[in-house]
Amino acid sequence: MADLHFELVTPERLIRSEDVHMVVVPGSEGEFGVLAGHAPFMSTIRDGEVAIYKTAGSSPERIAIEGGFAEVNDKGLTVLAEKADVPA
């Protein structure tokens, strides 16, 4: 399966822009996973962690986020977070 283009953005800067296997997002209605080819939609997000799987079967990299929106479209997944705690 093709890779998913993922972007994580805060008001201050672009945190990530890369192709990954899957991303799990803490939606306000519950967590949801996004793979390449996912149906388009938008969701508000709650405070939690975005889990980024770079390849199938890999351990996820986790980034804590606070609030915002997620949009899935034909170009990929964009998470617009109010705040993101990026590991050093």
PDB file of N, CA and C in Angstrom:
ATOM      1  N   MET A   1       0.842  -1.179   0.000  1.00  0.00           N
ATOM      2  CA  MET A   1       0.000   0.000   0.000  1.00  0.00           C
ATOM      3  C   MET A   1       0.891   1.248   0.000  1.00  0.00           C
ATOM      4  N   ALA A   2       0.432   2.298  -0.645  1.00  0.00           N
ATOM      5  CA  ALA A   2       1.183   3.550  -0.718  1.00  0.00           C
ATOM      6  C   ALA A   2       1.272   4.201   0.657  1.00  0.00           C
ATOM      7  N   ASP A   3       2.235   5.086   0.812  1.00  0.00           N
ATOM      8  CA  ASP A   3       2.396   5.790   2.076  1.00  0.00           C
ATOM      9  C   ASP A   3       1.385   6.926   2.204  1.00  0.00           C
ATOM     10  N   LEU A   4       1.139   7.305   3.445  1.00  0.00           N
ATOM     11  CA  LEU A   4       0.254   8.413   3.789  1.00  0.00           C
ATOM     12  C   LEU A   4       1.109   9.651   4.015  1.00  0.00           C
ATOM     13  N   HIS A   5       0.752  10.769   3.381  1.00  0.00           N
ATOM     14  CA  HIS A   5       1.470  12.011   3.661  1.00  0.00           C
ATOM     15  C   HIS A   5       0.860  12.626   4.916  1.00  0.00           C
ATOM     16  N   PHE A   6       1.707  12.907   5.917  1.00  0.00           N
ATOM     17  CA  PHE A   6       1.266  13.406   7.217  1.00  0.00           C
ATOM     18  C   PHE A   6       1.938  14.726   7.531  1.00  0.00           C
ATOM     19  N   GLU A   7       1.121  15.686   8.005  1.00  0.00           N
ATOM     20  CA  GLU A   7       1.665  16.964   8.469  1.00  0.00           C
ATOM     21  C   GLU A   7       1.088  17.276   9.831  1.00  0.00           C
ATOM     22  N   LEU A   8       1.953  17.708  10.747  1.00  0.00           N
ATOM     23  CA  LEU A   8       1.558  18.175  12.066  1.00  0.00           C
ATOM     24  C   LEU A   8       1.969  19.635  12.151  1.00  0.00           C
ATOM     25  N   VAL A   9       0.980  20.505  12.383  1.00  0.00           N
ATOM     26  CA  VAL A   9       1.208  21.942  12.348  1.00  0.00           C
ATOM     27  C   VAL A   9       0.658  22.574  13.627  1.00  0.00           C
ATOM     28  N   THR A  10       1.396  23.549  14.182  1.00  0.00           N
ATOM     29  CA  THR A  10       0.909  24.370  15.291  1.00  0.00           C
ATOM     30  C   THR A  10       0.881  25.818  14.807  1.00  0.00           C
ATOM     31  N   PRO A  11       0.283  26.716  15.570  1.00  0.00           N
ATOM     32  CA  PRO A  11       0.305  28.125  15.153  1.00  0.00           C
ATOM     33  C   PRO A  11       1.718  28.679  14.991  1.00  0.00           C
ATOM     34  N   GLU A  12       2.691  28.099  15.709  1.00  0.00           N
ATOM     35  CA  GLU A  12       4.062  28.599  15.645  1.00  0.00           C
ATOM     36  C   GLU A  12       4.845  28.086  14.444  1.00  0.00           C
ATOM     37  N   ARG A  13       4.615  26.777  14.083  1.00  0.00           N
ATOM     38  CA  ARG A  13       5.458  26.221  13.022  1.00  0.00           C
ATOM     39  C   ARG A  13       4.954  24.875  12.525  1.00  0.00           C
ATOM     40  N   LEU A  14       5.554  24.441  11.445  1.00  0.00           N
ATOM     41  CA  LEU A  14       5.338  23.097  10.914  1.00  0.00           C
ATOM     42  C   LEU A  14       6.227  22.151  11.711  1.00  0.00           C
ATOM     43  N   ILE A  15       5.620  21.178  12.402  1.00  0.00           N
ATOM     44  CA  ILE A  15       6.375  20.238  13.232  1.00  0.00           C
ATOM     45  C   ILE A  15       6.871  19.063  12.402  1.00  0.00           C
ATOM     46  N   ARG A  16       5.982  18.495  11.579  1.00  0.00           N
ATOM     47  CA  ARG A  16       6.310  17.324  10.757  1.00  0.00           C
ATOM     48  C   ARG A  16       5.677  17.446   9.390  1.00  0.00           C
ATOM     49  N   SER A  17       6.366  16.946   8.395  1.00  0.00           N
ATOM     50  CA  SER A  17       5.835  16.786   7.051  1.00  0.00           C
ATOM     51  C   SER A  17       6.590  15.610   6.456  1.00  0.00           C
ATOM     52  N   GLU A  18       5.938  14.434   6.445  1.00  0.00           N
ATOM     53  CA  GLU A  18       6.622  13.230   5.989  1.00  0.00           C
ATOM     54  C   GLU A  18       5.620  12.177   5.543  1.00  0.00           C
ATOM     55  N   ASP A  19       6.113  11.195   4.803  1.00  0.00           N
ATOM     56  CA  ASP A  19       5.301  10.058   4.399  1.00  0.00           C
ATOM     57  C   ASP A  19       5.476   8.961   5.431  1.00  0.00           C
ATOM     58  N   VAL A  20       4.347   8.423   5.916  1.00  0.00           N
ATOM     59  CA  VAL A  20       4.349   7.392   6.950  1.00  0.00           C
ATOM     60  C   VAL A  20       3.381   6.283   6.561  1.00  0.00           C
ATOM     61  N   HIS A  21       3.373   5.213   7.353  1.00  0.00           N
ATOM     62  CA  HIS A  21       2.447   4.104   7.099  1.00  0.00           C
ATOM     63  C   HIS A  21       1.057   4.417   7.650  1.00  0.00           C
ATOM     64  N   MET A  22       0.986   4.855   8.927  1.00  0.00           N
ATOM     65  CA  MET A  22      -0.296   5.109   9.579  1.00  0.00           C
ATOM     66  C   MET A  22      -0.116   6.101  10.705  1.00  0.00           C
ATOM     67  N   VAL A  23      -1.199   6.853  10.998  1.00  0.00           N
ATOM     68  CA  VAL A  23      -1.212   7.772  12.130  1.00  0.00           C
ATOM     69  C   VAL A  23      -2.500   7.532  12.910  1.00  0.00           C
ATOM     70  N   VAL A  24      -2.393   7.471  14.243  1.00  0.00           N
ATOM     71  CA  VAL A  24      -3.565   7.365  15.103  1.00  0.00           C
ATOM     72  C   VAL A  24      -3.719   8.704  15.820  1.00  0.00           C
ATOM     73  N   VAL A  25      -4.922   9.290  15.698  1.00  0.00           N
ATOM     74  CA  VAL A  25      -5.197  10.639  16.187  1.00  0.00           C
ATOM     75  C   VAL A  25      -6.229  10.574  17.314  1.00  0.00           C
ATOM     76  N   PRO A  26      -6.050  11.367  18.395  1.00  0.00           N
ATOM     77  CA  PRO A  26      -7.030  11.387  19.474  1.00  0.00           C
ATOM     78  C   PRO A  26      -8.212  12.308  19.125  1.00  0.00           C
ATOM     79  N   GLY A  27      -9.175  11.785  18.408  1.00  0.00           N
ATOM     80  CA  GLY A  27     -10.345  12.575  18.023  1.00  0.00           C
ATOM     81  C   GLY A  27     -11.240  12.848  19.217  1.00  0.00           C
ATOM     82  N   SER A  28     -12.064  13.882  19.108  1.00  0.00           N
ATOM     83  CA  SER A  28     -12.961  14.224  20.215  1.00  0.00           C
ATOM     84  C   SER A  28     -14.012  13.144  20.442  1.00  0.00           C
ATOM     85  N   GLU A  29     -14.304  12.340  19.428  1.00  0.00           N
ATOM     86  CA  GLU A  29     -15.267  11.238  19.551  1.00  0.00           C
ATOM     87  C   GLU A  29     -14.572   9.898  19.769  1.00  0.00           C
ATOM     88  N   GLY A  30     -13.256   9.904  19.899  1.00  0.00           N
ATOM     89  CA  GLY A  30     -12.475   8.692  20.091  1.00  0.00           C
ATOM     90  C   GLY A  30     -11.295   8.665  19.136  1.00  0.00           C
ATOM     91  N   GLU A  31     -10.350   7.780  19.397  1.00  0.00           N
ATOM     92  CA  GLU A  31      -9.168   7.680  18.543  1.00  0.00           C
ATOM     93  C   GLU A  31      -9.544   7.117  17.179  1.00  0.00           C
ATOM     94  N   PHE A  32      -8.835   7.594  16.141  1.00  0.00           N
ATOM     95  CA  PHE A  32      -9.040   7.037  14.804  1.00  0.00           C
ATOM     96  C   PHE A  32      -7.701   6.907  14.105  1.00  0.00           C
ATOM     97  N   GLY A  33      -7.578   5.833  13.336  1.00  0.00           N
ATOM     98  CA  GLY A  33      -6.363   5.575  12.578  1.00  0.00           C
ATOM     99  C   GLY A  33      -6.561   5.951  11.127  1.00  0.00           C
ATOM    100  N   VAL A  34      -5.515   6.480  10.517  1.00  0.00           N
ATOM    101  CA  VAL A  34      -5.575   6.906   9.120  1.00  0.00           C
ATOM    102  C   VAL A  34      -4.454   6.231   8.337  1.00  0.00           C
ATOM    103  N   LEU A  35      -4.827   5.548   7.277  1.00  0.00           N
ATOM    104  CA  LEU A  35      -3.895   4.942   6.326  1.00  0.00           C
ATOM    105  C   LEU A  35      -4.060   5.652   4.988  1.00  0.00           C
ATOM    106  N   ALA A  36      -3.142   5.432   4.069  1.00  0.00           N
ATOM    107  CA  ALA A  36      -3.274   5.990   2.716  1.00  0.00           C
ATOM    108  C   ALA A  36      -4.605   5.523   2.123  1.00  0.00           C
ATOM    109  N   GLY A  37      -5.280   6.393   1.399  1.00  0.00           N
ATOM    110  CA  GLY A  37      -6.546   6.053   0.755  1.00  0.00           C
ATOM    111  C   GLY A  37      -7.759   6.201   1.653  1.00  0.00           C
ATOM    112  N   HIS A  38      -7.583   6.722   2.878  1.00  0.00           N
ATOM    113  CA  HIS A  38      -8.706   6.900   3.804  1.00  0.00           C
ATOM    114  C   HIS A  38      -9.726   7.865   3.205  1.00  0.00           C
ATOM    115  N   ALA A  39     -10.995   7.657   3.503  1.00  0.00           N
ATOM    116  CA  ALA A  39     -12.061   8.553   3.048  1.00  0.00           C
ATOM    117  C   ALA A  39     -11.851   9.947   3.640  1.00  0.00           C
ATOM    118  N   PRO A  40     -12.149  10.993   2.874  1.00  0.00           N
ATOM    119  CA  PRO A  40     -11.993  12.363   3.379  1.00  0.00           C
ATOM    120  C   PRO A  40     -12.942  12.656   4.546  1.00  0.00           C
ATOM    121  N   PHE A  41     -12.447  13.357   5.540  1.00  0.00           N
ATOM    122  CA  PHE A  41     -13.287  13.837   6.631  1.00  0.00           C
ATOM    123  C   PHE A  41     -12.512  14.827   7.487  1.00  0.00           C
ATOM    124  N   MET A  42     -13.237  15.500   8.392  1.00  0.00           N
ATOM    125  CA  MET A  42     -12.619  16.418   9.357  1.00  0.00           C
ATOM    126  C   MET A  42     -13.107  16.045  10.743  1.00  0.00           C
ATOM    127  N   SER A  43     -12.271  16.304  11.744  1.00  0.00           N
ATOM    128  CA  SER A  43     -12.638  16.012  13.131  1.00  0.00           C
ATOM    129  C   SER A  43     -11.943  17.001  14.050  1.00  0.00           C
ATOM    130  N   THR A  44     -12.614  17.339  15.140  1.00  0.00           N
ATOM    131  CA  THR A  44     -11.911  18.051  16.201  1.00  0.00           C
ATOM    132  C   THR A  44     -11.078  17.021  16.951  1.00  0.00           C
ATOM    133  N   ILE A  45     -10.021  17.484  17.601  1.00  0.00           N
ATOM    134  CA  ILE A  45      -9.175  16.562  18.356  1.00  0.00           C
ATOM    135  C   ILE A  45      -9.106  17.016  19.803  1.00  0.00           C
ATOM    136  N   ARG A  46      -8.932  16.033  20.674  1.00  0.00           N
ATOM    137  CA  ARG A  46      -8.825  16.303  22.109  1.00  0.00           C
ATOM    138  C   ARG A  46      -7.345  16.219  22.502  1.00  0.00           C
ATOM    139  N   ASP A  47      -7.068  16.653  23.714  1.00  0.00           N
ATOM    140  CA  ASP A  47      -5.712  16.520  24.245  1.00  0.00           C
ATOM    141  C   ASP A  47      -5.360  15.039  24.298  1.00  0.00           C
ATOM    142  N   GLY A  48      -4.169  14.700  23.880  1.00  0.00           N
ATOM    143  CA  GLY A  48      -3.734  13.306  23.870  1.00  0.00           C
ATOM    144  C   GLY A  48      -2.436  13.168  23.108  1.00  0.00           C
ATOM    145  N   GLU A  49      -2.236  11.991  22.526  1.00  0.00           N
ATOM    146  CA  GLU A  49      -1.015  11.723  21.772  1.00  0.00           C
ATOM    147  C   GLU A  49      -1.341  11.274  20.356  1.00  0.00           C
ATOM    148  N   VAL A  50      -0.588  11.818  19.408  1.00  0.00           N
ATOM    149  CA  VAL A  50      -0.626  11.335  18.033  1.00  0.00           C
ATOM    150  C   VAL A  50       0.414  10.217  17.962  1.00  0.00           C
ATOM    151  N   ALA A  51       0.010   9.052  17.445  1.00  0.00           N
ATOM    152  CA  ALA A  51       0.937   7.927  17.295  1.00  0.00           C
ATOM    153  C   ALA A  51       1.280   7.788  15.815  1.00  0.00           C
ATOM    154  N   ILE A  52       2.555   7.908  15.491  1.00  0.00           N
ATOM    155  CA  ILE A  52       3.023   7.893  14.107  1.00  0.00           C
ATOM    156  C   ILE A  52       3.772   6.588  13.849  1.00  0.00           C
ATOM    157  N   TYR A  53       3.224   5.781  12.939  1.00  0.00           N
ATOM    158  CA  TYR A  53       3.844   4.505  12.557  1.00  0.00           C
ATOM    159  C   TYR A  53       4.556   4.716  11.224  1.00  0.00           C
ATOM    160  N   LYS A  54       5.874   4.743  11.246  1.00  0.00           N
ATOM    161  CA  LYS A  54       6.625   5.013  10.016  1.00  0.00           C
ATOM    162  C   LYS A  54       6.531   3.879   9.009  1.00  0.00           C
ATOM    163  N   THR A  55       6.470   2.626   9.505  1.00  0.00           N
ATOM    164  CA  THR A  55       6.321   1.458   8.631  1.00  0.00           C
ATOM    165  C   THR A  55       5.331   0.495   9.274  1.00  0.00           C
ATOM    166  N   ALA A  56       4.808  -0.428   8.481  1.00  0.00           N
ATOM    167  CA  ALA A  56       3.893  -1.435   9.011  1.00  0.00           C
ATOM    168  C   ALA A  56       4.613  -2.268  10.064  1.00  0.00           C
ATOM    169  N   GLY A  57       3.984  -2.449  11.213  1.00  0.00           N
ATOM    170  CA  GLY A  57       4.570  -3.265  12.261  1.00  0.00           C
ATOM    171  C   GLY A  57       5.596  -2.576  13.137  1.00  0.00           C
ATOM    172  N   SER A  58       5.905  -1.328  12.853  1.00  0.00           N
ATOM    173  CA  SER A  58       6.900  -0.618  13.667  1.00  0.00           C
ATOM    174  C   SER A  58       6.260  -0.094  14.952  1.00  0.00           C
ATOM    175  N   SER A  59       7.095   0.224  15.926  1.00  0.00           N
ATOM    176  CA  SER A  59       6.615   0.867  17.144  1.00  0.00           C
ATOM    177  C   SER A  59       6.329   2.327  16.815  1.00  0.00           C
ATOM    178  N   PRO A  60       5.265   2.886  17.397  1.00  0.00           N
ATOM    179  CA  PRO A  60       4.923   4.263  17.061  1.00  0.00           C
ATOM    180  C   PRO A  60       5.794   5.291  17.773  1.00  0.00           C
ATOM    181  N   GLU A  61       5.982   6.399  17.109  1.00  0.00           N
ATOM    182  CA  GLU A  61       6.541   7.586  17.755  1.00  0.00           C
ATOM    183  C   GLU A  61       5.334   8.362  18.247  1.00  0.00           C
ATOM    184  N   ARG A  62       5.375   8.843  19.477  1.00  0.00           N
ATOM    185  CA  ARG A  62       4.221   9.540  20.052  1.00  0.00           C
ATOM    186  C   ARG A  62       4.568  11.004  20.317  1.00  0.00           C
ATOM    187  N   ILE A  63       3.636  11.871  19.948  1.00  0.00           N
ATOM    188  CA  ILE A  63       3.791  13.303  20.185  1.00  0.00           C
ATOM    189  C   ILE A  63       2.539  13.789  20.898  1.00  0.00           C
ATOM    190  N   ALA A  64       2.716  14.388  22.080  1.00  0.00           N
ATOM    191  CA  ALA A  64       1.590  14.924  22.841  1.00  0.00           C
ATOM    192  C   ALA A  64       1.078  16.190  22.159  1.00  0.00           C
ATOM    193  N   ILE A  65      -0.246  16.275  22.027  1.00  0.00           N
ATOM    194  CA  ILE A  65      -0.863  17.456  21.417  1.00  0.00           C
ATOM    195  C   ILE A  65      -2.001  17.951  22.297  1.00  0.00           C
ATOM    196  N   GLU A  66      -2.377  19.196  22.080  1.00  0.00           N
ATOM    197  CA  GLU A  66      -3.509  19.791  22.794  1.00  0.00           C
ATOM    198  C   GLU A  66      -4.431  20.439  21.784  1.00  0.00           C
ATOM    199  N   GLY A  67      -5.689  19.973  21.748  1.00  0.00           N
ATOM    200  CA  GLY A  67      -6.734  20.576  20.945  1.00  0.00           C
ATOM    201  C   GLY A  67      -6.417  20.752  19.478  1.00  0.00           C
ATOM    202  N   GLY A  68      -7.425  21.168  18.721  1.00  0.00           N
ATOM    203  CA  GLY A  68      -7.235  21.464  17.313  1.00  0.00           C
ATOM    204  C   GLY A  68      -8.169  20.682  16.408  1.00  0.00           C
ATOM    205  N   PHE A  69      -7.726  20.477  15.169  1.00  0.00           N
ATOM    206  CA  PHE A  69      -8.516  19.813  14.139  1.00  0.00           C
ATOM    207  C   PHE A  69      -7.638  18.850  13.352  1.00  0.00           C
ATOM    208  N   ALA A  70      -8.270  17.863  12.760  1.00  0.00           N
ATOM    209  CA  ALA A  70      -7.588  16.947  11.845  1.00  0.00           C
ATOM    210  C   ALA A  70      -8.385  16.904  10.556  1.00  0.00           C
ATOM    211  N   GLU A  71      -7.698  16.912   9.435  1.00  0.00           N
ATOM    212  CA  GLU A  71      -8.360  16.817   8.134  1.00  0.00           C
ATOM    213  C   GLU A  71      -7.685  15.735   7.306  1.00  0.00           C
ATOM    214  N   VAL A  72      -8.509  14.847   6.766  1.00  0.00           N
ATOM    215  CA  VAL A  72      -8.040  13.825   5.838  1.00  0.00           C
ATOM    216  C   VAL A  72      -8.606  14.184   4.477  1.00  0.00           C
ATOM    217  N   ASN A  73      -7.737  14.271   3.467  1.00  0.00           N
ATOM    218  CA  ASN A  73      -8.200  14.521   2.101  1.00  0.00           C
ATOM    219  C   ASN A  73      -7.338  13.703   1.142  1.00  0.00           C
ATOM    220  N   ASP A  74      -7.499  13.951  -0.144  1.00  0.00           N
ATOM    221  CA  ASP A  74      -6.753  13.155  -1.125  1.00  0.00           C
ATOM    222  C   ASP A  74      -5.246  13.390  -1.066  1.00  0.00           C
ATOM    223  N   LYS A  75      -4.805  14.438  -0.380  1.00  0.00           N
ATOM    224  CA  LYS A  75      -3.374  14.717  -0.240  1.00  0.00           C
ATOM    225  C   LYS A  75      -2.776  14.078   1.005  1.00  0.00           C
ATOM    226  N   GLY A  76      -3.616  13.607   1.946  1.00  0.00           N
ATOM    227  CA  GLY A  76      -3.113  12.974   3.155  1.00  0.00           C
ATOM    228  C   GLY A  76      -3.820  13.468   4.404  1.00  0.00           C
ATOM    229  N   LEU A  77      -3.112  13.439   5.533  1.00  0.00           N
ATOM    230  CA  LEU A  77      -3.640  13.835   6.836  1.00  0.00           C
ATOM    231  C   LEU A  77      -2.897  15.062   7.337  1.00  0.00           C
ATOM    232  N   THR A  78      -3.662  16.072   7.746  1.00  0.00           N
ATOM    233  CA  THR A  78      -3.084  17.256   8.374  1.00  0.00           C
ATOM    234  C   THR A  78      -3.693  17.396   9.759  1.00  0.00           C
ATOM    235  N   VAL A  79      -2.844  17.483  10.770  1.00  0.00           N
ATOM    236  CA  VAL A  79      -3.288  17.737  12.141  1.00  0.00           C
ATOM    237  C   VAL A  79      -2.881  19.160  12.474  1.00  0.00           C
ATOM    238  N   LEU A  80      -3.880  20.000  12.764  1.00  0.00           N
ATOM    239  CA  LEU A  80      -3.655  21.388  13.156  1.00  0.00           C
ATOM    240  C   LEU A  80      -3.862  21.462  14.664  1.00  0.00           C
ATOM    241  N   ALA A  81      -2.788  21.345  15.421  1.00  0.00           N
ATOM    242  CA  ALA A  81      -2.872  21.300  16.882  1.00  0.00           C
ATOM    243  C   ALA A  81      -2.622  22.671  17.480  1.00  0.00           C
ATOM    244  N   GLU A  82      -3.317  22.963  18.571  1.00  0.00           N
ATOM    245  CA  GLU A  82      -3.084  24.217  19.275  1.00  0.00           C
ATOM    246  C   GLU A  82      -1.692  24.229  19.891  1.00  0.00           C
ATOM    247  N   LYS A  83      -1.224  23.046  20.329  1.00  0.00           N
ATOM    248  CA  LYS A  83       0.100  22.918  20.943  1.00  0.00           C
ATOM    249  C   LYS A  83       0.601  21.499  20.732  1.00  0.00           C
ATOM    250  N   ALA A  84       1.891  21.342  20.544  1.00  0.00           N
ATOM    251  CA  ALA A  84       2.508  20.017  20.413  1.00  0.00           C
ATOM    252  C   ALA A  84       3.803  20.000  21.203  1.00  0.00           C
ATOM    253  N   ASP A  85       3.980  18.963  22.014  1.00  0.00           N
ATOM    254  CA  ASP A  85       5.209  18.792  22.796  1.00  0.00           C
ATOM    255  C   ASP A  85       6.112  17.844  22.031  1.00  0.00           C
ATOM    256  N   VAL A  86       7.053  18.418  21.316  1.00  0.00           N
ATOM    257  CA  VAL A  86       7.945  17.640  20.474  1.00  0.00           C
ATOM    258  C   VAL A  86       9.148  17.194  21.276  1.00  0.00           C
ATOM    259  N   PRO A  87       9.441  15.866  21.262  1.00  0.00           N
ATOM    260  CA  PRO A  87      10.615  15.390  21.990  1.00  0.00           C
ATOM    261  C   PRO A  87      11.898  16.013  21.432  1.00  0.00           C
ATOM    262  N   ALA A  88      12.821  16.304  22.313  1.00  0.00           N
ATOM    263  CA  ALA A  88      14.086  16.934  21.885  1.00  0.00           C
ATOM    264  C   ALA A  88      14.985  15.974  21.157  1.00  0.00           C
TER     265      ALA A  88
END
